[in-house]
């Protein structure tokens, strides 16, 4: 078997993404080899437990559900206000009403 392609010291200094990529490649190579994980790890000079860890980590990341984009719609705009006047009467006032007109209407209704 060939020896490990990268020295351990450089793996420690690399970023997590680089290490993950390295171990993904190594595990893909293991899958194609037909050799047991322990024997493969020995042949590559990599601790068996390290390969187990990265193999398990890969399974967990694949098991997670992917995110889905969600479109949030704004709530519908208020197009009408409804003012209850009692005795089963109500007044519907459109959005953007003229306040002076509403005051005159309310005064007229109070007079009744």
Protein backbone atom coordinates (compact mmCIF):
# COMPACT_ATOMS: atom_id res chain seq x y z
CA UNK A 1 0.00 0.00 0.00
CA UNK A 2 1.13 3.54 -0.58
CA UNK A 3 1.98 5.83 2.32
CA UNK A 4 -0.03 8.75 3.54
CA UNK A 5 0.13 11.61 1.06
CA UNK A 6 0.33 14.45 3.57
CA UNK A 7 2.38 14.76 6.77
CA UNK A 8 0.43 15.00 10.04
CA UNK A 9 1.94 18.36 11.05
CA UNK A 10 0.54 20.08 7.96
CA UNK A 11 -2.91 18.61 8.64
CA UNK A 12 -2.94 20.15 12.11
CA UNK A 13 -2.05 23.55 10.67
CA UNK A 14 -4.67 23.40 7.91
CA UNK A 15 -8.20 24.72 8.15
CA UNK A 16 -11.12 22.52 9.11
CA UNK A 17 -12.40 22.62 5.52
CA UNK A 18 -9.03 21.45 4.19
CA UNK A 19 -8.86 18.61 6.74
CA UNK A 20 -12.44 17.58 5.94
CA UNK A 21 -11.63 17.51 2.22
CA UNK A 22 -8.47 15.48 2.87
CA UNK A 23 -10.31 12.88 4.95
CA UNK A 24 -13.22 12.72 2.48
CA UNK A 25 -10.71 11.85 -0.25
CA UNK A 26 -8.97 9.34 2.01
CA UNK A 27 -12.29 7.68 2.91
CA UNK A 28 -13.28 7.53 -0.75
CA UNK A 29 -9.97 5.86 -1.45
CA UNK A 30 -10.67 3.42 1.40
CA UNK A 31 -14.13 2.61 0.00
CA UNK A 32 -12.59 1.75 -3.37
CA UNK A 33 -9.78 -0.31 -1.84
CA UNK A 34 -11.86 -3.20 -0.46
CA UNK A 35 -9.55 -3.30 2.59
CA UNK A 36 -10.82 -2.98 6.17
CA UNK A 37 -10.66 0.48 7.71
CA UNK A 38 -8.12 -0.51 10.37
CA UNK A 39 -5.73 -2.08 7.86
CA UNK A 40 -6.19 0.86 5.47
CA UNK A 41 -5.43 3.36 8.27
CA UNK A 42 -2.26 1.46 9.19
CA UNK A 43 -1.14 1.46 5.58
CA UNK A 44 -1.67 5.22 5.30
CA UNK A 45 -0.07 6.02 8.66
CA UNK A 46 -3.28 7.58 9.93
CA UNK A 47 -4.74 6.67 13.32
CA UNK A 48 -7.67 4.28 12.92
CA UNK A 49 -9.77 6.32 15.37
CA UNK A 50 -9.20 9.46 13.28
CA UNK A 51 -10.61 7.75 10.19
CA UNK A 52 -13.53 6.44 12.25
CA UNK A 53 -14.24 9.98 13.46
CA UNK A 54 -14.24 11.46 9.96
CA UNK A 55 -16.33 8.60 8.61
CA UNK A 56 -18.94 9.14 11.35
CA UNK A 57 -18.82 12.91 10.85
CA UNK A 58 -19.54 12.42 7.15
CA UNK A 59 -22.54 10.23 7.93
CA UNK A 60 -23.96 12.80 10.35
CA UNK A 61 -23.57 15.68 7.90
CA UNK A 62 -25.34 13.69 5.15
CA UNK A 63 -28.17 12.80 7.56
CA UNK A 64 -29.02 16.44 8.26
CA UNK A 65 -31.91 17.84 6.25
CA UNK A 66 -30.86 20.51 3.79
CA UNK A 67 -32.17 24.02 4.22
CA UNK A 68 -35.02 25.14 2.02
CA UNK A 69 -35.51 28.71 0.94
CA UNK A 70 -38.68 30.20 2.35
CA UNK A 71 -40.44 33.23 0.93
CA UNK A 72 -42.22 35.26 3.60
CA UNK A 73 -45.05 37.37 2.31
CA UNK A 74 -45.84 40.62 4.06
CA UNK A 75 -49.16 40.65 5.87
CA UNK A 76 -52.03 41.95 3.77
CA UNK A 77 -52.42 45.69 3.92
CA UNK A 78 -55.35 46.98 5.91
CA UNK A 79 -57.78 48.19 3.29
CA UNK A 80 -60.68 48.92 5.56
CA UNK A 81 -61.33 49.78 9.21
CA UNK A 82 -64.61 48.68 10.77
CA UNK A 83 -66.07 50.70 13.63
CA UNK A 84 -68.79 48.93 15.64
CA UNK A 85 -71.61 51.34 16.52
CA UNK A 86 -73.74 48.96 18.58
CA UNK A 87 -77.21 47.61 17.80
CA UNK A 88 -75.77 45.53 14.94
CA UNK A 89 -74.51 48.61 13.14
CA UNK A 90 -70.99 49.23 11.96
CA UNK A 91 -69.16 51.77 9.90
CA UNK A 92 -66.54 50.64 7.36
CA UNK A 93 -63.86 53.22 6.79
CA UNK A 94 -61.41 52.80 3.86
CA UNK A 95 -57.68 53.06 4.41
CA UNK A 96 -56.43 56.58 3.68
CA UNK A 97 -59.73 58.18 4.75
CA UNK A 98 -60.18 61.93 5.16
CA UNK A 99 -60.20 62.55 8.94
CA UNK A 100 -62.30 65.74 8.62
CA UNK A 101 -64.95 63.83 6.65
CA UNK A 102 -64.99 61.08 9.27
CA UNK A 103 -65.47 63.62 12.09
CA UNK A 104 -68.45 65.16 10.25
CA UNK A 105 -69.92 61.69 9.67
CA UNK A 106 -69.46 60.73 13.34
CA UNK A 107 -71.09 64.00 14.49
CA UNK A 108 -74.03 63.33 12.20
CA UNK A 109 -74.41 59.77 13.53
CA UNK A 110 -74.26 60.96 17.15
CA UNK A 111 -77.05 63.43 16.40
CA UNK A 112 -79.36 60.56 15.40
